[in-house]
Amino acid sequence: MVAETMTSAGRGMKFGTIPCPVPGVYPNIPFETYCGWDALNHSKLRRVGKSPMHFHDAPPDKETDSKVFGVGFHEMMLEPARFAARVVMSPINEKTGKPFGRDTKAWAEFAALRPGKLILTPEEMDQIVAMRARITSHPEASLFFDPASGAMFEVCIVWDCPITGLRCKGRVDVWVPRPNQMVARLDLKTTADASTEEFGRSIVKYGYHTQDAFYEMGCKALGHDSYGLLLPIESDAPHAMQLAPIEGDTLAAGRHIVEGWLRTVKHCRETDSWPGYEASSSVAFKAPEWYLKQFATATESN
């Protein structure tokens, strides 16, 4: 096999621009500071699943309506003071009476005059407020947001991977200390469908099981046993939600995948080589099995 390869200028590739603190638990760290820490986080790591080249050379993620909405929901739930200081209502098209789209010139000009602000449409704001009300009225989920629980929000953790030695970081939505160095971790997720079967597909699609495994590794490296819970809530009314852990076999698969990704990053850094998709004359593109199966069925019936 001949691999398509990209090389970096040096093996000391940076994950961020700010020196990362020593391993530990760090509450009350601004999000911008955390993002700049020179350490490996899950959203960057999971790009290795596509190829090392995508990990090394992919451009920053694009802003989308769903991502902005997710940020707004997280901030209202976990950092309400930050949310109140940042949020502004979107520009309205006088001709239609509706908000301009995020991809329009009018929106871009509006945003340029308000750097650092979180711009939401009135509909998005109404959804976020309703979702918060749903969670805070839930008998179990609301306990994670009760000051009496001792919960801390947006807690940063830093650790050295026990397998590769790579400096890693994570930002836990809700961190609840328990007796004997135990920690409960809650992760908020906005979704279109929070049902058990459909959200199970989302777990695989978006890597929620690998994120949980990555954070579990970090807590363990810092001397904390931990268990993770997901709280997926639907963005559309009636904002149905669930509160549950990731099933054992699924989490075990996440651990296996994360360990493989970390080993790949270490190897690529040591060799200064970041391969993309393998290219070879022996490879041929194949249609999905579900597509081919319909023709096989038709042939058999004839």
Foldseek 3Di string as FASTA:
>chain_A
DDFAKDFDPALVDFQAQDDADAFDKAAPDDPVVVNRYRAAEDVLLCLCVQFLCCSVPPDDDDDDPVVLLVVLLLCVQAPVVLNVVAEDEADADPVVRFGDDCPDPRRVVVCVVRDRHRYDHPVSVVLSVLLVVVQCPDPPSVLLSDVVQVKHAQMKGWAQQPQQRGIHMDTFGIWGDDPPQEIETEDEAEDQDADPVVVVVVCVVVVVLLNQLVVCSRSVRVPHHYFYWYWYWYSDPPTDIDIGGDDDVSNVVSNVVSSVSSVVSSVCSVVSIITHDGDDPVDDDDDDPVVVVVVVVVVVVD
